[in-house]
Amino acid sequence: MAFRLGQYVVYGELRNTHNYSTFGVIVLRGEEPGQETALRLELTGNCAYDLQGKCFRFTPSEDSKEDAVFRAEDHPGFQVQQIGPTGTMTAQGWVRTLPCSVEEFMRRAELGEPPPTPWRRHLYLEWYSQNGRVVVEMAGALVEECVREPHNEDDEGEWKPLPNLALPPEMRDAERAAGPEFTLIRQDGDNVHIETWTPSRPTWGEGDDVSPSAALQRQLDAEAAAIDRAMNGESEESDDDVIREMELMDYCIDHSERQPIFLLLDNACQLRPPEEFDEEEVEAELKALLARLAVLGIALDVCEHFTPRDCYRLLRDKILSEPHAFAELVGTGWMHHVATYEYCPECQASDGLEHFDSDERQCLE
C-alpha cells in the first residue's frame, strides 16, 4: 500500500540542486481557497537524471478535472513534514489517460466501442517517509524549470517548460513493434490504470531493458533540507495535538534518555559492511536503511563530500550506535536530523555550512 496524493495536488515546487538532497513543498487541495494542506519535503536523495540538479515546479494540466479534497481526518497519522529517502522521481515518460469518466469508459468498452485513450506526459514522484511509501502521480502535468532564481519576495524568477526527454510512444512503438498493440485495463476503486503492451522485435546482442520505465526504476538517490515559499495558507495540526507533542518532548528531556538508534531497529547489528556491495547495491542498502529511520523520525542530511557509500558506512559504523532517539517520540511529528557535515573533516575545516545554500542553511541552523 502507498499514500497516493496525485489527485489532490494543486501546486508543487521541488529542488534537487544540492548533493543528495531533494526538498520543497507540495500543496494539496482544501475545502476552500486558503485551506490547502502544504507538505514540506526534506528528502535524502536525488531525482532521476531529467530532474537532477534542477529546481522545478508542477501544476495539474489546464483541462484536469480533478477536484478531490485532502482532509487530514481521512489520513490519520500522515505527517505534513516528510522525511526519508527518495524513490523514483521523474517528469519524463508517457501514460494513457481516460477522456471521460470511469463509468462511461467501462460502459463503452463493454459495448465494444471504447473511446481513445490519448498519451500524456507522466509525472511520477515517489519517496519513503514516516508514513511508508508515498506517490504523487499526475498525467499531463505542467512542469517548469527555474532558469533564474527570485531576487526577493515580489519576484517570481524566470521559469521555462521542461521538455519530456522520453520518446513519444508512437515513435518508440514504431521502432520496436513486432505485432499488434494490447491494451490492459485494471480498475482499483475509483481509479483506472491503463497499460499497453506491444511485442518487441528481438535484436541480436540486445542487453538489459533500456526502456525509459526500466531506466527510471534504477534511479534511486538521497538527502534533507527545506524550502519555505509564500502560498495561500497551510493546514496544520490542531493546537491540542501540538501541545500534547510539546509536553511529551518536555517529558522526554526531563525524565527520559536518548537511546542508540540500533536499539529501535530490527536486525541493525546484521548490516553488512559497505565493502561487500558495488555502487548500485550500496545505494539500495542505504535507501532501505533511511526508509526504516524515517519511520523513527530520523533523517540524514548529506554534505557535498559524502557519497552513498560514505553515508552507509557512517550510519552503520557510528551513527546507529550513538544516542539520537527518544523511543517515546516514535510515531509523533517530532524529527531528528543527523548531518554528515558534523563528521566530515572538510566541512569542519570550513565551519560546515558554506556547502549549503541559503534555504538549507536556515533549516540546519
Protein backbone atom coordinates (compact mmCIF):
# COMPACT_ATOMS: atom_id res chain seq x y z
CA MET A 1 0.00 0.00 0.00
CA ALA A 2 1.09 3.55 -0.68
CA PHE A 3 -0.25 7.01 0.05
CA ARG A 4 -1.27 8.30 -3.40
CA LEU A 5 -1.60 12.08 -3.45
CA GLY A 6 -1.66 12.96 -7.15
CA GLN A 7 -5.41 13.64 -7.29
CA TYR A 8 -5.10 16.30 -4.56
CA VAL A 9 -2.13 18.30 -5.90
CA VAL A 10 -2.69 21.92 -6.91
CA TYR A 11 0.97 23.02 -6.89
CA GLY A 12 4.41 21.65 -6.16
CA GLU A 13 7.93 23.00 -6.14
CA LEU A 14 10.98 20.83 -5.52
CA ARG A 15 14.71 21.47 -5.57
CA ASN A 16 17.48 18.95 -6.20
CA THR A 17 20.37 21.38 -6.58
CA HIS A 18 22.44 20.15 -3.64
CA ASN A 19 24.26 16.86 -3.30
CA TYR A 20 21.88 14.04 -2.39
CA SER A 21 19.09 16.37 -1.26
CA THR A 22 15.57 16.86 -2.61
CA PHE A 23 13.40 19.33 -0.74
CA GLY A 24 10.43 21.60 -1.28
CA VAL A 25 6.67 21.86 -0.89
CA ILE A 26 3.62 20.16 -2.37
CA VAL A 27 0.27 21.88 -1.86
CA LEU A 28 -2.86 19.70 -1.60
CA ARG A 29 -6.38 20.93 -2.38
CA GLY A 30 -8.54 22.04 0.56
CA GLU A 31 -12.26 22.50 1.04
CA GLU A 32 -11.97 26.22 0.26
CA PRO A 33 -9.25 28.54 -1.10
CA GLY A 34 -6.83 29.25 1.73
CA GLN A 35 -7.46 25.87 3.37
CA GLU A 36 -4.85 23.92 1.43
CA THR A 37 -2.52 21.46 3.11
CA ALA A 38 1.16 22.21 2.47
CA LEU A 39 3.51 19.23 2.64
CA ARG A 40 7.12 20.06 3.37
CA LEU A 41 9.55 17.53 1.89
CA GLU A 42 13.06 17.09 3.33
CA LEU A 43 14.27 14.01 1.48
CA THR A 44 17.64 12.29 1.31
CA GLY A 45 18.47 11.50 -2.31
CA ASN A 46 18.48 12.77 -5.88
CA CYS A 47 15.79 12.83 -8.53
CA ALA A 48 16.14 10.93 -11.82
CA TYR A 49 18.57 12.40 -14.34
CA ASP A 50 15.93 14.56 -16.06
CA LEU A 51 15.28 16.49 -12.82
CA GLN A 52 18.62 16.14 -11.04
CA GLY A 53 20.37 19.45 -10.44
CA LYS A 54 17.18 21.43 -11.08
CA CYS A 55 14.61 23.49 -9.26
CA PHE A 56 11.26 22.65 -10.83
CA ARG A 57 7.58 23.26 -10.23
CA PHE A 58 4.45 21.49 -11.41
CA THR A 59 0.70 22.01 -11.59
CA PRO A 60 -2.20 19.93 -12.95
CA SER A 61 -2.95 20.35 -16.64
CA GLU A 62 -5.36 23.14 -17.56
CA ASP A 63 -8.05 20.65 -18.56
CA SER A 64 -7.68 18.49 -15.45
CA LYS A 65 -11.00 17.51 -13.92
CA GLU A 66 -9.54 16.57 -10.54
CA ASP A 67 -11.45 18.11 -7.62
CA ALA A 68 -10.63 15.67 -4.80
CA VAL A 69 -10.07 17.34 -1.43
CA PHE A 70 -7.35 16.26 1.01
CA ARG A 71 -8.81 16.03 4.52
CA ALA A 72 -6.41 15.35 7.37
CA GLU A 73 -9.06 13.39 9.26
CA ASP A 74 -9.24 10.92 6.37
CA HIS A 75 -5.49 10.24 6.67
CA PRO A 76 -4.76 9.86 10.39
CA GLY A 77 -1.09 9.92 11.27
CA PHE A 78 0.01 11.42 7.95
CA GLN A 79 2.87 13.85 8.58
CA VAL A 80 2.89 17.21 6.79
CA GLN A 81 6.69 17.33 7.18
CA GLN A 82 8.00 14.36 5.22
CA ILE A 83 11.49 12.90 5.67
CA GLY A 84 13.14 9.79 4.24
CA PRO A 85 14.83 8.62 1.02
CA THR A 86 13.74 9.44 -2.49
CA GLY A 87 12.47 6.72 -4.79
CA THR A 88 11.82 7.24 -8.49
CA MET A 89 11.25 10.96 -9.15
CA THR A 90 10.91 11.88 -12.82
CA ALA A 91 8.93 14.09 -15.19
CA GLN A 92 9.67 12.09 -18.30
CA GLY A 93 7.64 9.25 -19.71
CA TRP A 94 4.13 8.83 -21.05
CA VAL A 95 0.89 7.38 -19.72
CA ARG A 96 -2.51 6.56 -21.21
CA THR A 97 -5.39 8.72 -19.93
CA LEU A 98 -9.17 8.49 -19.91
CA PRO A 99 -11.12 11.10 -21.93
CA CYS A 100 -14.28 10.52 -19.86
CA SER A 101 -15.48 9.19 -16.54
CA VAL A 102 -14.58 5.67 -15.41
CA GLU A 103 -18.22 4.58 -15.64
CA GLU A 104 -18.64 5.84 -19.20
CA PHE A 105 -15.37 4.28 -20.32
CA MET A 106 -16.28 0.87 -18.90
CA ARG A 107 -19.78 1.06 -20.41
CA ARG A 108 -18.47 1.94 -23.86
CA ALA A 109 -15.77 -0.73 -23.58
CA GLU A 110 -18.43 -3.37 -22.84
CA LEU A 111 -20.25 -2.26 -25.99
CA GLY A 112 -17.07 -2.82 -27.99
CA GLU A 113 -16.56 0.89 -28.69
CA PRO A 114 -14.02 2.12 -26.12
CA PRO A 115 -13.08 5.80 -26.55
CA PRO A 116 -9.47 6.60 -27.46
CA THR A 117 -7.04 6.86 -24.55
CA PRO A 118 -4.51 9.56 -25.51
CA TRP A 119 -0.91 9.56 -24.32
CA ARG A 120 0.07 12.36 -21.94
CA ARG A 121 3.17 13.32 -20.01
CA HIS A 122 3.70 11.22 -16.88
CA LEU A 123 4.96 12.95 -13.70
CA TYR A 124 5.96 10.37 -11.10
CA LEU A 125 7.34 11.35 -7.66
CA GLU A 126 7.98 8.62 -5.10
CA TRP A 127 9.57 8.67 -1.66
CA TYR A 128 9.64 6.61 1.57
CA SER A 129 8.73 8.54 4.71
CA GLN A 130 7.39 8.15 8.24
CA ASN A 131 4.20 7.00 6.53
CA GLY A 132 5.86 4.44 4.28
CA ARG A 133 5.71 4.73 0.50
CA VAL A 134 4.22 7.98 -0.81
CA VAL A 135 3.49 8.62 -4.51
CA VAL A 136 2.47 11.68 -6.50
CA GLU A 137 1.45 10.53 -9.98
CA MET A 138 -0.03 13.01 -12.45
CA ALA A 139 -0.93 12.72 -16.13
CA GLY A 140 -0.40 15.76 -18.32
CA ALA A 141 1.13 17.85 -15.54
CA LEU A 142 2.64 21.22 -16.49
CA VAL A 143 6.31 21.05 -15.46
CA GLU A 144 8.64 24.05 -15.49
CA GLU A 145 12.32 24.55 -14.65
CA CYS A 146 13.64 27.64 -12.84
CA VAL A 147 16.20 29.40 -15.04
CA ARG A 148 16.56 32.48 -12.83
CA GLU A 149 16.16 32.46 -9.07
CA PRO A 150 13.84 35.05 -7.46
CA HIS A 151 15.59 38.18 -6.15
CA ASN A 152 13.01 38.93 -3.45
CA GLU A 153 9.51 38.01 -2.26
CA ASP A 154 7.88 40.07 -5.04
CA ASP A 155 10.00 38.44 -7.75
CA GLU A 156 8.85 35.06 -9.06
CA GLY A 157 12.05 34.47 -11.01
CA GLU A 158 12.03 33.05 -14.52
CA TRP A 159 10.70 29.62 -15.49
CA LYS A 160 10.58 27.70 -18.74
CA PRO A 161 8.78 24.48 -19.73
CA LEU A 162 10.81 21.35 -19.02
CA PRO A 163 10.92 19.10 -22.10
CA ASN A 164 9.86 15.47 -21.88
CA LEU A 165 13.03 13.52 -22.68
CA ALA A 166 11.25 10.21 -23.29
CA LEU A 167 10.48 9.20 -26.86
CA PRO A 168 6.83 9.70 -27.83
CA PRO A 169 5.11 6.29 -27.64
CA GLU A 170 4.24 6.23 -31.33
CA MET A 171 7.93 6.61 -32.25
CA ARG A 172 9.09 4.06 -29.71
CA ASP A 173 6.45 1.54 -30.68
CA ALA A 174 7.13 2.00 -34.40
CA GLU A 175 10.78 1.11 -33.82
CA ARG A 176 10.13 -1.88 -31.61
CA ALA A 177 6.75 -3.22 -32.72
CA ALA A 178 6.60 -6.81 -33.90
CA GLY A 179 2.87 -7.35 -33.54
CA PRO A 180 -0.43 -5.72 -32.58
CA GLU A 181 -0.77 -3.49 -29.52
CA PHE A 182 -2.69 -4.80 -26.50
CA THR A 183 -4.47 -2.52 -24.02
CA LEU A 184 -4.80 -3.78 -20.45
CA ILE A 185 -7.35 -2.07 -18.18
CA ARG A 186 -7.22 -2.51 -14.40
CA GLN A 187 -9.75 -0.88 -12.07
CA ASP A 188 -8.74 -0.03 -8.48
CA GLY A 189 -11.73 1.55 -6.74
CA ASP A 190 -12.43 4.84 -8.49
CA ASN A 191 -9.10 4.73 -10.33
CA VAL A 192 -8.49 3.05 -13.67
CA HIS A 193 -4.97 2.07 -14.74
CA ILE A 194 -4.41 1.61 -18.46
CA GLU A 195 -1.32 -0.19 -19.72
CA THR A 196 -0.35 -1.00 -23.26
CA TRP A 197 1.91 -3.79 -24.44
CA THR A 198 3.41 -4.26 -27.85
CA PRO A 199 5.53 -7.34 -28.68
CA SER A 200 9.13 -6.23 -29.14
CA ARG A 201 11.16 -7.05 -32.17
CA PRO A 202 14.17 -9.04 -30.91
CA THR A 203 17.61 -7.65 -31.67
CA TRP A 204 20.81 -9.69 -31.71
CA GLY A 205 23.12 -8.56 -28.93
CA GLU A 206 20.35 -6.67 -27.14
CA GLY A 207 21.32 -6.27 -23.50
CA ASP A 208 19.34 -5.21 -20.48
CA ASP A 209 16.00 -3.48 -20.84
CA VAL A 210 16.76 0.10 -21.87
CA SER A 211 13.19 1.36 -21.99
CA PRO A 212 12.62 4.65 -20.14
CA SER A 213 10.49 2.96 -17.47
CA ALA A 214 13.18 0.37 -16.71
CA ALA A 215 15.91 3.01 -16.64
CA LEU A 216 13.89 5.16 -14.26
CA GLN A 217 13.46 2.27 -11.84
CA ARG A 218 17.21 2.29 -11.36
CA GLN A 219 17.29 5.94 -10.40
CA LEU A 220 17.18 5.81 -6.57
CA ASP A 221 19.12 8.66 -4.80
CA ALA A 222 19.05 10.92 -1.38
CA GLU A 223 19.40 13.92 1.37
CA ALA A 224 17.48 16.50 3.51
CA ALA A 225 16.82 20.28 3.95
CA ALA A 226 13.84 22.64 3.44
CA ILE A 227 12.10 25.36 1.44
CA ASP A 228 9.56 27.97 2.54
CA ARG A 229 7.61 29.70 -0.18
CA ALA A 230 4.72 32.12 0.08
CA MET A 231 1.43 30.38 -0.53
CA ASN A 232 -2.23 30.77 0.35
CA GLY A 233 -2.49 29.14 3.75
CA GLU A 234 -1.38 25.88 5.29
CA SER A 235 -3.26 23.15 7.12
CA GLU A 236 -1.60 22.46 10.44
CA GLU A 237 -2.07 20.12 13.32
CA SER A 238 -4.67 21.13 15.86
CA ASP A 239 -3.50 23.15 18.86
CA ASP A 240 -4.26 20.21 21.15
CA ASP A 241 -2.03 17.89 19.10
CA VAL A 242 0.81 20.40 19.11
CA ILE A 243 0.51 20.95 22.86
CA ARG A 244 0.45 17.20 23.54
CA GLU A 245 3.59 16.61 21.49
CA MET A 246 5.40 19.55 23.11
CA GLU A 247 4.51 18.21 26.55
CA LEU A 248 5.77 14.79 25.52
CA MET A 249 9.03 16.29 24.29
CA ASP A 250 9.48 18.19 27.56
CA TYR A 251 8.82 14.99 29.47
CA CYS A 252 11.44 13.11 27.44
CA ILE A 253 14.03 15.81 28.04
CA ASP A 254 13.38 15.85 31.80
CA HIS A 255 12.73 12.20 32.55
CA SER A 256 13.91 10.02 29.68
CA GLU A 257 17.20 9.33 27.93
CA ARG A 258 18.08 9.22 24.26
CA GLN A 259 18.80 5.70 23.10
CA PRO A 260 21.19 4.38 20.47
CA ILE A 261 19.26 4.11 17.23
CA PHE A 262 20.13 0.45 16.68
CA LEU A 263 18.03 -0.50 19.73
CA LEU A 264 14.91 0.66 17.86
CA LEU A 265 15.76 -1.14 14.61
CA ASP A 266 15.34 -4.84 13.98
CA ASN A 267 18.48 -6.64 12.80
CA ALA A 268 20.51 -3.41 12.79
CA CYS A 269 23.55 -5.34 14.01
CA GLN A 270 23.37 -7.56 10.92
CA LEU A 271 24.03 -4.77 8.40
CA ARG A 272 26.73 -5.94 6.02
CA PRO A 273 29.97 -3.95 5.54
CA PRO A 274 29.88 -1.47 2.63
CA GLU A 275 32.88 -3.20 1.04
CA GLU A 276 30.63 -6.16 0.18
CA PHE A 277 28.49 -4.06 -2.21
CA ASP A 278 29.03 -2.44 -5.57
CA GLU A 279 27.89 1.15 -6.12
CA GLU A 280 24.27 0.32 -7.02
CA GLU A 281 23.92 -2.21 -4.22
CA VAL A 282 25.29 0.06 -1.52
CA GLU A 283 22.90 2.84 -2.53
CA ALA A 284 19.99 0.41 -2.40
CA GLU A 285 21.07 -0.68 1.10
CA LEU A 286 21.38 2.96 2.14
CA LYS A 287 17.89 3.77 0.85
CA ALA A 288 16.39 0.81 2.69
CA LEU A 289 18.08 1.89 5.92
CA LEU A 290 16.97 5.52 5.51
CA ALA A 291 13.38 4.38 4.97
CA ARG A 292 13.49 2.49 8.27
CA LEU A 293 14.99 5.51 10.04
CA ALA A 294 12.26 7.78 8.62
CA VAL A 295 9.65 5.69 10.45
CA LEU A 296 11.55 6.53 13.65
CA GLY A 297 11.56 10.23 12.75
CA ILE A 298 15.28 10.32 11.95
CA ALA A 299 16.66 11.93 8.79
CA LEU A 300 20.15 12.18 7.30
CA ASP A 301 21.41 15.45 5.78
CA VAL A 302 24.28 14.93 3.35
CA CYS A 303 27.13 17.35 2.64
CA GLU A 304 28.92 17.81 -0.68
CA HIS A 305 31.75 15.45 0.23
CA PHE A 306 29.82 12.27 1.11
CA THR A 307 28.89 9.56 -1.39
CA PRO A 308 26.15 6.96 -0.76
CA ARG A 309 28.88 4.54 0.31
CA ASP A 310 30.24 7.09 2.80
CA CYS A 311 26.74 7.66 4.17
CA TYR A 312 26.06 3.97 4.60
CA ARG A 313 29.41 3.44 6.35
CA LEU A 314 28.82 6.40 8.68
CA LEU A 315 25.35 5.18 9.63
CA ARG A 316 26.43 1.56 10.12
CA ASP A 317 29.70 2.17 11.96
CA LYS A 318 28.91 5.25 14.02
CA ILE A 319 25.53 6.99 13.97
CA LEU A 320 23.39 3.92 14.73
CA SER A 321 25.41 3.40 17.92
CA GLU A 322 25.00 6.97 19.12
CA PRO A 323 22.14 8.15 21.39
CA HIS A 324 19.92 10.11 18.99
CA ALA A 325 16.42 8.73 19.61
CA PHE A 326 13.69 9.02 22.23
CA ALA A 327 11.59 5.86 21.99
CA GLU A 328 8.56 7.79 23.29
CA LEU A 329 8.62 10.14 20.28
CA VAL A 330 8.44 7.44 17.61
CA GLY A 331 5.22 7.88 15.65
CA THR A 332 4.80 11.56 16.57
CA GLY A 333 5.59 14.59 14.43
CA TRP A 334 8.98 15.15 16.05
CA MET A 335 12.03 14.60 13.87
CA HIS A 336 15.75 14.47 14.49
CA HIS A 337 18.22 15.41 11.74
CA VAL A 338 21.71 13.94 11.70
CA ALA A 339 24.09 15.76 9.33
CA THR A 340 27.18 14.26 7.71
CA TYR A 341 28.96 17.62 7.93
CA GLU A 342 29.29 17.02 11.68
CA TYR A 343 31.53 14.05 10.83
CA CYS A 344 33.21 15.46 7.71
CA PRO A 345 36.79 16.80 8.08
CA GLU A 346 36.42 19.06 5.01
CA CYS A 347 33.22 20.61 6.36
CA GLN A 348 34.63 21.00 9.86
CA ALA A 349 37.61 22.85 8.45
CA SER A 350 35.30 25.42 6.85
CA ASP A 351 32.52 25.55 9.51
CA GLY A 352 30.37 23.03 7.59
CA LEU A 353 27.69 25.45 6.44
CA GLU A 354 29.23 27.02 3.36
CA HIS A 355 28.30 23.90 1.40
CA PHE A 356 24.57 24.53 1.86
CA ASP A 357 22.53 27.17 0.06
CA SER A 358 20.54 29.78 1.98
CA ASP A 359 17.32 27.72 2.25
CA GLU A 360 19.15 24.67 3.53
CA ARG A 361 21.31 26.71 5.90
CA GLN A 362 18.23 28.19 7.59
CA CYS A 363 16.82 24.68 8.02
CA LEU A 364 20.03 23.39 9.61
CA GLU A 365 20.50 26.40 11.86
